[in-house]
C-alpha cells in the first residue's frame, strides 16, 4: 500500500468558517482605521460584490455545456471565432487579416464595396457579417447575391437590425426590410439574418444588466415580428445573433455572457424552441482612450480574456487606436495576435466554461441575470421596444450620470488618462474614421472629459501650469507632490516643482522662476503645521492668484484642497477657468 495515499491532508487543522475569517479580517482593518465595507463594492446594477464567496453562496445549476439553459456555453469544444472589423473598403487589409489569424470578417462598409472587397475571399471558409446601418436592406441583399456564387455552404450574418438603427438614430424601424431579408436568405440554412446589438446601450453609458435587458427586449420584438410574419418559432430563434460589449472587468464580462445565454434560454423555452444564444463579443468602445492609447492593448486583452472564458462564439478585439481613427497594419496585427495568443498559447479554448463552479462567478451570473430580467420586464410592461424607448433612454442616461461622477472623482480610474498620465507622450495620428450616425442614444467614452481638457491645454497660447510648492526635504513632500502632479497632469497642466526647499524665501523664489500663476502646497503634516501659512501668504504676495493644498484640511488660508477622492475634474476645470484657458 502506498503510504502517501493514506496521508490525511490538513488533518491537524480545524475547518474555518466565514465568521472566523471575518473576525480575523476585522482585526487587520482595525489597525488601519478602515471598516469592512471598504472590502466590498457595488456594481452599477446595485449588485453587491463581497470579498469572499463560499459554498453557501448558492446559484441555480447551470447544467452541462451545450445543454439547456446554456449558462455554461453553447459550444462544447475548441476556441472562438476571431472576427476582425473593417470600417472602410480595403481588400488588401481584409486579405492580410484572413491570412494572419482572423477567421471571419465584420464589414461596416457600403453595399457597393462588398463585391470588390470580397473578390478573393474564400466565402465557404471565412464567415462574413455585414453591417449596413440604416442601409441594411441594400447591404443584406448585396451579400446574399455574393454568396450565391460561393462554391460551398456559407456562414455569416446579413446584419438586419431595424431596432438597432432606431435606437442609434430614432429613424422608424423597418421591420418589412427584416422580413424581406429573411425570405431571401432561406436558401442559406447556415446564415443568420438579424443582429441583436447590445452595443448602443453599452456605448451610451449603460450598465451590464441594462445592456442585457434592453437587448433581450430587442430580440423578443424580432421574434414577435418573425412569428407574426409566418416564420416558425424554432426557425426564428436561429436567425438571431447577439452582440455584446466585453470590458476590462473580467469577472463581470464572464458573468455577463453566461447570464445572457441563461436569459435567452428562458425566452426560447417559453416559445418551446430552446436554442443556444450565438454571441459576438466586441471589446468595449466606451473604455478605449485617445490618450496613451497603448494602454488599450491591455484593456482589450483582459476584455477578450473575459469574453473567451465567458463562452462567446466570436470575438472582435478593437485595435488600440480605434478611438483615434482608422487602424494601421500594426494595430490590426496586434488586435489579431491578442486573440491568437489567448487561443493558441494560453489555450483558453481548451476548457469549456473554466469559470463554472466558482462560487463568485456563479453568484455574480445569477445576480446579473436577475437584474437584467427585472429590467427586461420593466421594458415589456411599458410596451416593449420601440414603444419604451424613452424609458430606456432615461434609465441609461441616469446610469451614465452616476458613472460620469465616479469618473470625475477618479473612483473609476482610467490608467494613462485620469491616473498616471504621460504628459510627454507623442500623439498617435490616424486617418479619421467614417462618421457614425446620431440622433438616438449617444456614444460616450469614459475618458472623454479628461481628454477634452488635455486637448484644450495643448492648443492654449500659454500652457496652463500649477507650481508645486514643496515644503521641506524630498522625503517630506514626495508622496503628496506626486499625487498633485498626477492630478494636474491628467488635465494637461504642467507642474513645475520647487524640489527640496530650505524655507519660505526659497519656495517663493522658485515660484517666481516658474512663471506659474497658481500654486499647490505639498508637504507632510509636520511641514504644514510649520510652513503652510507663511508660505501661502508669501506666495500670494509674490503674485499667486490661487493657492491650493495637497491634503484635506489646514489652518493656512488656502483656496482649495486636492486629495484622494476629491472632485478631480472640477478642480481641473476651476483651474482652467482661473487661468482663462478656453475649454
Protein backbone atom coordinates (compact mmCIF):
# COMPACT_ATOMS: atom_id res chain seq x y z
CA UNK A 1 0.00 0.00 0.00
CA UNK A 2 1.25 3.48 -0.91
CA UNK A 3 1.80 5.36 2.40
CA UNK A 4 1.45 8.69 0.61
CA UNK A 5 -2.06 7.73 -0.46
CA UNK A 6 -3.04 7.33 3.20
CA UNK A 7 -1.76 10.76 4.22
CA UNK A 8 -4.74 12.76 5.63
CA UNK A 9 -4.06 16.26 4.32
CA UNK A 10 -4.86 19.13 6.72
CA UNK A 11 -5.98 16.59 9.34
CA UNK A 12 -4.48 18.66 12.16
CA UNK A 13 -6.29 21.86 11.19
CA UNK A 14 -9.78 22.86 12.18
CA UNK A 15 -12.20 23.75 9.39
CA UNK A 16 -12.66 27.54 9.45
CA UNK A 17 -15.97 29.22 8.76
CA UNK A 18 -16.90 32.61 7.29
CA UNK A 19 -17.33 34.27 10.68
CA UNK A 20 -13.86 33.24 11.84
CA UNK A 21 -12.40 34.66 8.64
CA UNK A 22 -14.41 37.87 9.14
CA UNK A 23 -13.14 38.31 12.70
CA UNK A 24 -9.54 38.00 11.55
CA UNK A 25 -10.12 40.49 8.74
CA UNK A 26 -11.75 42.98 11.08
CA UNK A 27 -8.72 42.72 13.34
CA UNK A 28 -6.41 43.68 10.49
CA UNK A 29 -8.69 46.51 9.32
CA UNK A 30 -8.86 47.94 12.82
CA UNK A 31 -5.14 48.68 12.70
CA UNK A 32 -5.65 50.99 9.70
CA UNK A 33 -8.92 52.50 10.84
CA UNK A 34 -10.83 51.06 7.86
CA UNK A 35 -14.09 49.17 8.15
CA UNK A 36 -15.36 46.04 6.44
CA UNK A 37 -17.33 47.97 3.82
CA UNK A 38 -14.06 49.08 2.20
CA UNK A 39 -13.61 45.49 1.01
CA UNK A 40 -16.98 45.49 -0.73
CA UNK A 41 -18.10 47.20 -3.91
CA UNK A 42 -21.37 47.75 -5.73
CA UNK A 43 -21.85 47.49 -9.49
CA UNK A 44 -23.91 49.96 -11.49
CA UNK A 45 -26.74 47.42 -11.29
CA UNK A 46 -26.74 47.51 -7.50
CA UNK A 47 -25.09 44.10 -7.17
CA UNK A 48 -23.00 43.90 -4.02
CA UNK A 49 -19.61 42.28 -4.63
CA UNK A 50 -18.18 40.74 -1.46
CA UNK A 51 -14.53 39.99 -0.68
CA UNK A 52 -15.20 36.30 0.00
CA UNK A 53 -17.54 33.71 -1.50
CA UNK A 54 -18.14 30.20 -0.22
CA UNK A 55 -20.34 27.21 -0.99
CA UNK A 56 -23.07 28.99 0.94
CA UNK A 57 -23.37 31.49 -1.93
CA UNK A 58 -25.67 29.28 -3.93
CA UNK A 59 -26.78 29.76 -7.53
CA UNK A 60 -29.02 27.68 -9.81
CA UNK A 61 -27.44 24.67 -11.50
CA UNK A 62 -26.08 25.83 -14.84
CA UNK A 63 -26.36 22.37 -16.37
CA UNK A 64 -23.77 20.94 -18.70
CA UNK A 65 -22.08 22.80 -21.56
CA UNK A 66 -24.16 22.55 -24.69
CA UNK A 67 -27.40 21.84 -22.83
CA UNK A 68 -30.28 24.00 -21.61
CA UNK A 69 -30.14 26.62 -20.09
CA UNK A 70 -26.76 27.04 -21.83
CA UNK A 71 -25.35 29.06 -18.92
CA UNK A 72 -22.19 27.03 -19.31
CA UNK A 73 -21.94 27.64 -23.05
CA UNK A 74 -23.39 26.67 -26.38
CA UNK A 75 -20.10 25.40 -27.82
CA UNK A 76 -18.57 22.28 -26.34
CA UNK A 77 -15.08 22.31 -27.81
CA UNK A 78 -12.40 24.44 -29.42
CA UNK A 79 -11.80 28.16 -29.21
CA UNK A 80 -13.80 31.02 -30.61
CA UNK A 81 -14.07 32.73 -33.96
CA UNK A 82 -11.57 35.60 -34.40
CA UNK A 83 -13.68 38.28 -36.09
CA UNK A 84 -11.91 41.34 -37.47
CA UNK A 85 -13.71 44.64 -38.00
CA UNK A 86 -13.27 46.77 -41.15
CA UNK A 87 -14.89 50.21 -41.37
CA UNK A 88 -13.70 51.15 -44.86
CA UNK A 89 -13.31 49.12 -48.07
CA UNK A 90 -9.74 47.78 -48.15
CA UNK A 91 -9.30 44.44 -49.89
CA UNK A 92 -5.60 44.15 -49.09
CA UNK A 93 -6.24 44.69 -45.38
CA UNK A 94 -9.05 42.11 -45.42
CA UNK A 95 -6.85 39.50 -47.08
CA UNK A 96 -3.97 40.25 -44.71
CA UNK A 97 -6.23 39.69 -41.71
CA UNK A 98 -7.53 36.37 -43.04
CA UNK A 99 -4.04 35.18 -43.89
CA UNK A 100 -2.70 36.06 -40.44
CA UNK A 101 -5.12 34.80 -37.84
CA UNK A 102 -8.59 36.24 -38.41
CA UNK A 103 -11.19 33.57 -39.11
CA UNK A 104 -14.16 35.79 -40.02
CA UNK A 105 -14.96 39.34 -41.07
CA UNK A 106 -17.22 42.09 -39.74
CA UNK A 107 -17.69 44.62 -42.54
CA UNK A 108 -19.21 48.04 -41.91
CA UNK A 109 -18.83 49.22 -45.50
CA UNK A 110 -21.21 50.36 -48.27
CA UNK A 111 -23.12 47.71 -50.19
CA UNK A 112 -21.42 48.58 -53.48
CA UNK A 113 -17.99 47.92 -51.95
CA UNK A 114 -18.71 44.38 -50.79
CA UNK A 115 -18.09 42.58 -54.09
CA UNK A 116 -14.65 44.09 -54.83
CA UNK A 117 -13.52 43.70 -51.22
CA UNK A 118 -14.56 40.03 -51.08
CA UNK A 119 -13.41 39.14 -54.61
CA UNK A 120 -10.51 36.95 -53.42
CA UNK A 121 -12.03 35.69 -50.15
CA UNK A 122 -12.99 32.02 -49.85
CA UNK A 123 -16.53 32.63 -48.68
CA UNK A 124 -17.15 28.98 -47.78
CA UNK A 125 -14.23 29.17 -45.33
CA UNK A 126 -14.48 32.68 -43.90
CA UNK A 127 -17.83 33.75 -42.42
CA UNK A 128 -18.83 37.31 -43.21
CA UNK A 129 -21.01 39.56 -41.05
CA UNK A 130 -22.16 42.75 -42.74
CA UNK A 131 -23.35 45.90 -41.02
CA UNK A 132 -25.06 48.38 -43.28
CA UNK A 133 -26.57 50.55 -40.56
CA UNK A 134 -29.68 52.26 -41.87
CA UNK A 135 -28.93 50.78 -45.32
CA UNK A 136 -29.02 47.22 -44.01
CA UNK A 137 -31.56 46.13 -46.65
CA UNK A 138 -29.28 47.06 -49.55
CA UNK A 139 -26.22 45.62 -47.81
CA UNK A 140 -28.07 42.43 -46.94
CA UNK A 141 -29.31 41.91 -50.48
CA UNK A 142 -25.81 42.51 -51.81
CA UNK A 143 -24.10 39.95 -49.57
CA UNK A 144 -26.80 37.36 -50.31
CA UNK A 145 -26.14 37.88 -54.01
CA UNK A 146 -22.41 37.46 -53.49
CA UNK A 147 -22.95 34.25 -51.51
CA UNK A 148 -24.87 32.83 -54.47
CA UNK A 149 -21.57 32.24 -56.26
CA UNK A 150 -19.79 30.64 -53.28
CA UNK A 151 -18.70 27.04 -54.01
CA UNK A 152 -19.86 25.56 -50.69
CA UNK A 153 -22.02 26.28 -47.67
CA UNK A 154 -21.61 29.81 -46.35
CA UNK A 155 -21.87 31.13 -42.82
CA UNK A 156 -22.31 34.65 -41.53
CA UNK A 157 -24.97 37.26 -40.85
CA UNK A 158 -26.92 39.51 -43.18
CA UNK A 159 -26.89 42.21 -40.49
CA UNK A 160 -30.54 43.24 -40.31
CA UNK A 161 -31.11 45.31 -37.19
CA UNK A 162 -34.02 47.74 -37.60
CA UNK A 163 -34.28 48.41 -33.86
CA UNK A 164 -30.54 48.97 -33.65
CA UNK A 165 -30.89 51.67 -36.29
CA UNK A 166 -33.81 53.13 -34.35
CA UNK A 167 -32.01 53.43 -31.02
CA UNK A 168 -28.96 54.95 -32.76
CA UNK A 169 -30.86 57.42 -34.93
CA UNK A 170 -34.58 57.45 -33.96
CA UNK A 171 -35.43 56.53 -37.54
CA UNK A 172 -38.60 54.47 -37.80
CA UNK A 173 -37.62 50.76 -37.60
CA UNK A 174 -38.04 49.00 -40.96
CA UNK A 175 -39.39 45.60 -39.97
CA UNK A 176 -40.53 44.96 -43.55
CA UNK A 177 -36.87 45.00 -44.63
CA UNK A 178 -36.11 42.36 -41.99
CA UNK A 179 -38.87 40.14 -43.37
CA UNK A 180 -37.60 40.67 -46.92
CA UNK A 181 -34.09 39.51 -45.98
CA UNK A 182 -35.40 36.50 -44.07
CA UNK A 183 -37.22 35.36 -47.19
CA UNK A 184 -34.23 35.93 -49.44
CA UNK A 185 -31.91 34.05 -47.05
CA UNK A 186 -33.96 30.85 -46.99
CA UNK A 187 -31.57 29.19 -49.45
CA UNK A 188 -28.69 29.65 -46.99
CA UNK A 189 -29.52 27.44 -43.98
CA UNK A 190 -26.31 28.28 -42.05
CA UNK A 191 -26.71 32.07 -42.39
CA UNK A 192 -28.25 34.24 -39.71
CA UNK A 193 -30.23 37.27 -40.71
CA UNK A 194 -30.64 39.59 -37.72
CA UNK A 195 -28.25 41.10 -35.19
CA UNK A 196 -29.43 41.91 -31.68
CA UNK A 197 -26.90 44.59 -30.85
CA UNK A 198 -26.29 45.50 -27.22
CA UNK A 199 -23.53 47.99 -28.08
CA UNK A 200 -25.83 51.04 -28.45
CA UNK A 201 -26.95 50.61 -24.83
CA UNK A 202 -23.41 50.00 -23.60
CA UNK A 203 -21.89 52.88 -25.57
CA UNK A 204 -24.47 55.27 -24.12
CA UNK A 205 -23.03 54.57 -20.67
CA UNK A 206 -25.44 51.82 -19.63
CA UNK A 207 -24.73 49.06 -17.13
CA UNK A 208 -24.29 45.36 -17.87
CA UNK A 209 -27.83 44.45 -16.83
CA UNK A 210 -29.23 47.39 -18.81
CA UNK A 211 -27.39 46.17 -21.90
CA UNK A 212 -28.65 42.62 -21.38
CA UNK A 213 -32.24 43.56 -20.57
CA UNK A 214 -32.61 46.05 -23.42
CA UNK A 215 -31.07 43.68 -25.97
CA UNK A 216 -33.40 40.93 -24.77
CA UNK A 217 -36.32 43.29 -25.42
CA UNK A 218 -34.97 43.83 -28.96
CA UNK A 219 -34.72 40.07 -29.51
CA UNK A 220 -38.28 39.49 -28.30
CA UNK A 221 -39.53 42.22 -30.63
CA UNK A 222 -37.82 40.47 -33.55
CA UNK A 223 -39.25 37.10 -32.52
CA UNK A 224 -42.76 38.52 -32.35
CA UNK A 225 -42.42 40.11 -35.77
CA UNK A 226 -40.99 37.00 -37.42
CA UNK A 227 -43.59 34.67 -35.92
CA UNK A 228 -46.36 37.07 -36.98
CA UNK A 229 -44.83 37.02 -40.48
CA UNK A 230 -45.23 33.24 -40.60
CA UNK A 231 -41.72 32.15 -39.60
CA UNK A 232 -41.87 29.15 -37.22
CA UNK A 233 -40.53 29.99 -33.76
CA UNK A 234 -37.98 27.18 -33.97
CA UNK A 235 -36.52 28.75 -37.09
CA UNK A 236 -36.87 32.36 -35.93
CA UNK A 237 -34.71 31.89 -32.82
CA UNK A 238 -31.92 30.51 -35.01
CA UNK A 239 -31.89 33.58 -37.24
CA UNK A 240 -30.63 35.86 -34.47
CA UNK A 241 -27.08 36.62 -33.35
CA UNK A 242 -26.37 38.70 -30.23
CA UNK A 243 -23.61 41.29 -29.94
CA UNK A 244 -22.35 42.37 -26.51
CA UNK A 245 -19.56 44.56 -25.16
CA UNK A 246 -16.67 42.94 -23.29
CA UNK A 247 -14.96 45.21 -20.76
CA UNK A 248 -11.78 45.25 -18.71
CA UNK A 249 -13.78 43.99 -15.70
CA UNK A 250 -13.04 40.36 -16.45
CA UNK A 251 -15.41 38.79 -13.91
CA UNK A 252 -18.39 40.95 -14.89
CA UNK A 253 -17.66 40.13 -18.52
CA UNK A 254 -17.55 36.40 -17.82
CA UNK A 255 -20.78 36.63 -15.84
CA UNK A 256 -22.49 38.77 -18.49
CA UNK A 257 -22.02 36.29 -21.31
CA UNK A 258 -23.09 33.41 -19.08
CA UNK A 259 -26.16 35.31 -17.85
CA UNK A 260 -27.10 36.34 -21.40
CA UNK A 261 -27.35 32.71 -22.51
CA UNK A 262 -29.46 31.84 -19.49
CA UNK A 263 -31.84 34.73 -20.21
CA UNK A 264 -32.22 33.76 -23.85
CA UNK A 265 -32.85 30.14 -22.85
CA UNK A 266 -35.76 31.33 -20.73
CA UNK A 267 -37.26 33.21 -23.68
CA UNK A 268 -36.80 30.36 -26.14
CA UNK A 269 -38.22 27.95 -23.59
CA UNK A 270 -41.41 30.00 -23.42
CA UNK A 271 -41.89 29.67 -27.21
CA UNK A 272 -40.96 25.97 -26.97
CA UNK A 273 -37.93 26.40 -29.22
CA UNK A 274 -34.84 26.02 -26.98
CA UNK A 275 -31.65 27.02 -28.75
CA UNK A 276 -28.26 28.30 -27.61
CA UNK A 277 -27.63 32.00 -27.96
CA UNK A 278 -24.98 32.81 -30.58
CA UNK A 279 -22.78 35.55 -29.14
CA UNK A 280 -20.44 38.05 -30.76
CA UNK A 281 -18.26 39.84 -28.21
CA UNK A 282 -16.73 43.23 -29.02
CA UNK A 283 -14.17 44.86 -26.76
CA UNK A 284 -15.81 47.96 -25.33
CA UNK A 285 -15.51 51.10 -27.49
CA UNK A 286 -16.52 53.15 -24.43
CA UNK A 287 -13.43 52.11 -22.47
CA UNK A 288 -10.94 52.98 -25.23
CA UNK A 289 -8.85 56.12 -24.90
CA UNK A 290 -7.25 58.51 -27.35
CA UNK A 291 -4.58 59.47 -24.83
CA UNK A 292 -1.89 56.89 -24.09
CA UNK A 293 -3.73 54.53 -26.47
CA UNK A 294 -1.12 51.82 -25.96
CA UNK A 295 -2.84 51.01 -22.65
CA UNK A 296 -5.85 49.97 -24.73
CA UNK A 297 -3.89 46.85 -25.65
CA UNK A 298 -4.06 45.79 -22.01
CA UNK A 299 -7.74 46.66 -21.69
CA UNK A 300 -8.70 44.69 -24.79
CA UNK A 301 -6.60 41.71 -23.72
CA UNK A 302 -8.47 41.49 -20.41
CA UNK A 303 -11.80 42.01 -22.18
CA UNK A 304 -11.04 39.31 -24.74
CA UNK A 305 -9.96 37.00 -21.91
CA UNK A 306 -13.29 37.55 -20.14
CA UNK A 307 -15.36 37.06 -23.29
CA UNK A 308 -13.46 33.89 -24.19
CA UNK A 309 -13.86 32.41 -20.73
CA UNK A 310 -17.48 33.54 -20.70
CA UNK A 311 -18.17 31.42 -23.77
CA UNK A 312 -18.56 33.95 -26.58
CA UNK A 313 -18.76 32.30 -30.00
CA UNK A 314 -16.84 35.05 -31.77
CA UNK A 315 -14.75 37.95 -30.52
CA UNK A 316 -13.72 41.23 -32.10
CA UNK A 317 -10.78 42.92 -30.44
CA UNK A 318 -10.91 46.57 -31.44
CA UNK A 319 -7.46 47.95 -32.36
CA UNK A 320 -5.78 50.10 -29.72
CA UNK A 321 -6.20 53.19 -31.94
CA UNK A 322 -9.93 52.63 -32.53
CA UNK A 323 -10.95 55.84 -30.74
CA UNK A 324 -8.46 57.91 -32.78
CA UNK A 325 -9.36 56.81 -36.30
CA UNK A 326 -8.81 54.02 -38.77
CA UNK A 327 -6.27 51.39 -37.66
CA UNK A 328 -2.99 50.86 -39.46
CA UNK A 329 -1.40 47.48 -40.26
CA UNK A 330 0.37 47.36 -36.90
CA UNK A 331 -2.70 47.98 -34.75
CA UNK A 332 -4.77 45.44 -36.71
CA UNK A 333 -1.97 42.91 -36.27
CA UNK A 334 -1.85 43.46 -32.51
CA UNK A 335 -5.65 43.04 -32.34
CA UNK A 336 -5.45 39.72 -34.22
CA UNK A 337 -2.48 38.45 -32.27
CA UNK A 338 -4.11 39.25 -28.94
CA UNK A 339 -6.68 36.60 -29.74
CA UNK A 340 -4.21 34.19 -31.29
CA UNK A 341 -2.08 34.32 -28.15
CA UNK A 342 -5.04 33.64 -25.86
CA UNK A 343 -6.31 30.79 -28.03
CA UNK A 344 -3.10 29.17 -29.23
CA UNK A 345 -0.57 29.90 -26.49
CA UNK A 346 -2.73 30.32 -23.40
CA UNK A 347 -5.11 27.58 -24.56
CA UNK A 348 -8.19 29.38 -23.27
CA UNK A 349 -10.37 27.48 -25.69
CA UNK A 350 -9.15 24.14 -24.39
CA UNK A 351 -11.54 24.11 -21.42
CA UNK A 352 -15.26 24.77 -21.70
CA UNK A 353 -16.58 27.21 -19.09
CA UNK A 354 -13.48 27.19 -16.88
CA UNK A 355 -15.13 29.70 -14.52
CA UNK A 356 -18.05 27.36 -13.92
CA UNK A 357 -18.22 26.18 -10.31
CA UNK A 358 -16.53 29.31 -8.98
CA UNK A 359 -18.80 30.49 -6.17
CA UNK A 360 -18.09 34.09 -7.06
CA UNK A 361 -18.75 33.72 -10.80
CA UNK A 362 -21.86 31.60 -10.29
CA UNK A 363 -23.36 34.06 -7.81
CA UNK A 364 -22.43 37.05 -9.97
CA UNK A 365 -24.00 35.35 -13.00
CA UNK A 366 -27.19 34.72 -11.06
CA UNK A 367 -27.39 38.24 -9.65
CA UNK A 368 -26.77 39.77 -13.08
CA UNK A 369 -29.38 37.55 -14.72
CA UNK A 370 -32.00 38.58 -12.15
CA UNK A 371 -31.17 42.28 -12.56
CA UNK A 372 -31.34 42.05 -16.36
CA UNK A 373 -34.59 40.07 -16.29
CA UNK A 374 -36.22 42.65 -14.00
CA UNK A 375 -35.16 45.43 -16.38
CA UNK A 376 -36.43 43.46 -19.39
CA UNK A 377 -39.81 43.01 -17.70
CA UNK A 378 -39.95 46.74 -16.98
CA UNK A 379 -39.38 47.49 -20.68
CA UNK A 380 -42.03 44.95 -21.68
CA UNK A 381 -44.51 46.41 -19.19
CA UNK A 382 -44.01 49.78 -20.89
CA UNK A 383 -44.93 48.29 -24.27
CA UNK A 384 -41.60 46.80 -25.35
CA UNK A 385 -39.32 48.33 -27.94
CA UNK A 386 -39.59 50.69 -29.74
CA UNK A 387 -42.51 52.00 -27.65
CA UNK A 388 -40.50 52.00 -24.41
CA UNK A 389 -37.50 53.81 -25.88
CA UNK A 390 -37.98 56.95 -23.76
CA UNK A 391 -37.86 54.79 -20.62
CA UNK A 392 -34.67 53.09 -21.81
CA UNK A 393 -33.08 56.41 -22.74
CA UNK A 394 -33.91 57.95 -19.35
CA UNK A 395 -32.64 54.95 -17.38
CA UNK A 396 -29.34 54.72 -19.27
CA UNK A 397 -28.80 58.48 -19.02
CA UNK A 398 -29.15 58.21 -15.23
CA UNK A 399 -26.60 55.40 -15.13
CA UNK A 400 -24.21 57.42 -17.29
CA UNK A 401 -24.58 60.36 -14.89
CA UNK A 402 -23.59 58.13 -11.96
CA UNK A 403 -20.71 56.66 -13.93
CA UNK A 404 -19.54 60.09 -15.05
CA UNK A 405 -19.48 61.26 -11.43
CA UNK A 406 -17.28 58.31 -10.48
CA UNK A 407 -15.00 59.02 -13.41
CA UNK A 408 -14.79 62.69 -12.43
CA UNK A 409 -13.51 61.99 -8.92
CA UNK A 410 -11.40 59.06 -10.17
CA UNK A 411 -13.31 56.44 -8.18
CA UNK A 412 -13.35 54.79 -11.61
CA UNK A 413 -9.76 55.38 -12.65
CA UNK A 414 -8.57 55.43 -16.26
CA UNK A 415 -4.92 54.47 -16.43
CA UNK A 416 -2.95 56.76 -18.70
CA UNK A 417 -5.66 59.43 -18.66
CA UNK A 418 -7.13 60.29 -15.26
CA UNK A 419 -4.40 58.36 -13.44
CA UNK A 420 -0.70 58.17 -14.35
CA UNK A 421 -0.92 60.34 -17.47
CA UNK A 422 2.08 60.66 -19.72
CA UNK A 423 2.49 64.43 -20.28
CA UNK A 424 5.28 63.94 -22.82
CA UNK A 425 3.53 61.35 -25.00
CA UNK A 426 3.72 61.71 -28.75
CA UNK A 427 0.17 61.80 -30.12
CA UNK A 428 -0.88 58.89 -32.33
CA UNK A 429 -2.23 60.23 -35.63
CA UNK A 430 -4.65 58.24 -37.77
CA UNK A 431 -6.94 58.82 -40.74
CA UNK A 432 -10.37 59.81 -39.40
CA UNK A 433 -12.95 57.01 -39.40
CA UNK A 434 -16.31 57.45 -41.16
CA UNK A 435 -18.72 59.49 -39.08
CA UNK A 436 -21.27 57.41 -37.19
CA UNK A 437 -24.97 58.35 -37.43
CA UNK A 438 -26.60 60.01 -34.44
CA UNK A 439 -29.93 61.28 -33.22
CA UNK A 440 -30.68 58.49 -30.76
CA UNK A 441 -28.70 57.17 -27.83
CA UNK A 442 -25.37 58.99 -27.51
CA UNK A 443 -21.96 57.43 -27.88
CA UNK A 444 -19.72 58.17 -24.92
CA UNK A 445 -16.20 57.25 -23.92
CA UNK A 446 -15.21 57.11 -20.30
CA UNK A 447 -12.08 59.20 -20.89
CA UNK A 448 -13.70 61.95 -22.93
CA UNK A 449 -13.95 64.67 -20.24
CA UNK A 450 -10.30 64.43 -19.20
CA UNK A 451 -9.14 64.15 -22.81
CA UNK A 452 -11.07 67.31 -23.72
CA UNK A 453 -9.09 69.20 -21.08
CA UNK A 454 -5.82 67.78 -22.39
CA UNK A 455 -6.79 68.94 -25.88
CA UNK A 456 -7.65 72.42 -24.61
CA UNK A 457 -4.38 72.70 -22.69
CA UNK A 458 -2.32 71.81 -25.73
CA UNK A 459 -3.93 74.38 -28.04
CA UNK A 460 -3.87 77.14 -25.44
CA UNK A 461 -1.49 80.00 -26.39
CA UNK A 462 0.08 79.62 -22.94
CA UNK A 463 0.31 76.13 -21.48
CA UNK A 464 -1.54 76.12 -18.12
CA UNK A 465 0.69 75.42 -15.12
CA UNK A 466 0.39 74.87 -11.40
CA UNK A 467 3.53 75.32 -9.33
CA UNK A 468 4.06 72.58 -6.75
CA UNK A 469 5.30 74.43 -3.67
CA UNK A 470 7.09 71.54 -1.98
CA UNK A 471 7.86 72.12 1.68
CA UNK A 472 11.00 70.73 3.27
CA UNK A 473 13.19 67.79 2.14
CA UNK A 474 12.15 65.34 -0.58
CA UNK A 475 11.13 62.65 1.92
CA UNK A 476 8.65 65.05 3.49
CA UNK A 477 6.79 66.03 0.33
CA UNK A 478 7.33 63.37 -2.33
CA UNK A 479 4.05 61.48 -1.75
CA UNK A 480 1.75 64.50 -1.92
CA UNK A 481 3.76 66.19 -4.66
CA UNK A 482 3.50 63.03 -6.75
CA UNK A 483 -0.25 62.89 -6.13
CA UNK A 484 -0.75 66.53 -7.07
CA UNK A 485 1.38 66.23 -10.21
CA UNK A 486 -0.63 63.16 -11.27
CA UNK A 487 -3.91 65.02 -10.81
CA UNK A 488 -2.98 68.24 -12.63
CA UNK A 489 -1.21 66.45 -15.47
CA UNK A 490 -4.44 64.49 -16.10
CA UNK A 491 -5.79 67.80 -17.38
CA UNK A 492 -2.70 68.64 -19.41
CA UNK A 493 -1.44 71.13 -16.80
CA UNK A 494 2.31 71.49 -16.35
CA UNK A 495 3.59 71.05 -12.80
CA UNK A 496 6.93 72.80 -12.24
CA UNK A 497 8.22 71.75 -8.84
CA UNK A 498 10.27 73.53 -6.21
CA UNK A 499 12.08 70.33 -5.23
CA UNK A 500 13.89 70.23 -1.89
CA UNK A 501 13.44 73.59 -0.19
CA UNK A 502 15.00 75.27 2.83
CA UNK A 503 12.36 77.83 3.75
CA UNK A 504 9.77 80.39 2.70
CA UNK A 505 12.10 82.56 0.64
CA UNK A 506 13.41 79.51 -1.24
CA UNK A 507 9.88 78.40 -2.23
CA UNK A 508 8.86 81.90 -3.30
CA UNK A 509 11.98 82.39 -5.42
CA UNK A 510 11.32 79.18 -7.33
CA UNK A 511 7.67 80.11 -7.77
CA UNK A 512 8.67 83.36 -9.45
CA UNK A 513 11.10 81.49 -11.71
CA UNK A 514 8.35 79.07 -12.82
CA UNK A 515 6.12 81.76 -14.28
CA UNK A 516 3.05 79.99 -12.87
CA UNK A 517 0.04 81.88 -11.53
CA UNK A 518 -1.35 79.13 -9.29
CA UNK A 519 0.49 77.19 -6.59
CA UNK A 520 -0.24 73.99 -4.67
CA UNK A 521 1.38 73.37 -1.30
CA UNK A 522 2.80 69.86 -0.95
CA UNK A 523 4.33 68.54 2.25
CA UNK A 524 3.88 66.44 5.37
CA UNK A 525 1.54 67.21 8.26
CA UNK A 526 4.54 68.43 10.23
CA UNK A 527 5.73 70.79 7.49
CA UNK A 528 2.19 72.08 7.01
CA UNK A 529 1.98 72.98 10.70
CA UNK A 530 5.19 74.94 10.45
CA UNK A 531 5.24 76.37 6.93
CA UNK A 532 1.83 76.20 5.22
CA UNK A 533 0.52 79.52 6.49
CA UNK A 534 3.62 81.67 5.94
CA UNK A 535 4.34 80.08 2.56
CA UNK A 536 0.74 80.57 1.38
CA UNK A 537 0.81 84.22 2.42
CA UNK A 538 4.20 84.75 0.79
CA UNK A 539 3.08 83.13 -2.45
CA UNK A 540 0.08 85.45 -2.63
CA UNK A 541 2.34 88.40 -2.04
CA UNK A 542 4.52 87.14 -4.87
CA UNK A 543 1.57 87.11 -7.29
CA UNK A 544 -0.10 83.72 -6.83
CA UNK A 545 -3.74 84.13 -7.87
CA UNK A 546 -4.80 80.88 -6.18
CA UNK A 547 -3.11 78.74 -3.55
CA UNK A 548 -4.21 75.12 -3.12
CA UNK A 549 -3.05 72.49 -0.66
CA UNK A 550 -2.50 68.76 -1.17
CA UNK A 551 -4.48 67.38 1.75
CA UNK A 552 -7.92 67.59 3.31
CA UNK A 553 -7.51 70.44 5.76
CA UNK A 554 -5.11 73.05 7.10
CA UNK A 555 -5.06 76.07 9.36
CA UNK A 556 -3.49 78.00 6.48
CA UNK A 557 -5.70 80.27 4.38
CA UNK A 558 -5.91 78.43 1.04
CA UNK A 559 -8.35 78.47 -1.87
CA UNK A 560 -8.96 74.74 -2.09
CA UNK A 561 -7.73 71.24 -1.42
CA UNK A 562 -6.71 68.28 -3.56
CA UNK A 563 -6.81 64.81 -2.06
CA UNK A 564 -7.70 61.22 -2.84
CA UNK A 565 -11.38 61.15 -3.76
CA UNK A 566 -11.64 64.89 -4.38
CA UNK A 567 -13.69 66.06 -7.39
CA UNK A 568 -10.65 65.95 -9.66
CA UNK A 569 -12.45 67.04 -12.82
CA UNK A 570 -13.97 70.03 -11.03
CA UNK A 571 -10.54 71.01 -9.69
CA UNK A 572 -9.09 70.90 -13.20
CA UNK A 573 -11.97 72.86 -14.73
CA UNK A 574 -11.75 75.51 -12.00
CA UNK A 575 -8.02 75.78 -12.66
CA UNK A 576 -8.66 76.27 -16.37
CA UNK A 577 -11.22 78.96 -15.62
CA UNK A 578 -8.88 80.74 -13.21
CA UNK A 579 -6.14 80.77 -15.86
CA UNK A 580 -8.51 81.84 -18.63
CA UNK A 581 -7.96 78.68 -20.68
CA UNK A 582 -10.80 78.11 -23.17
CA UNK A 583 -12.47 74.70 -22.95
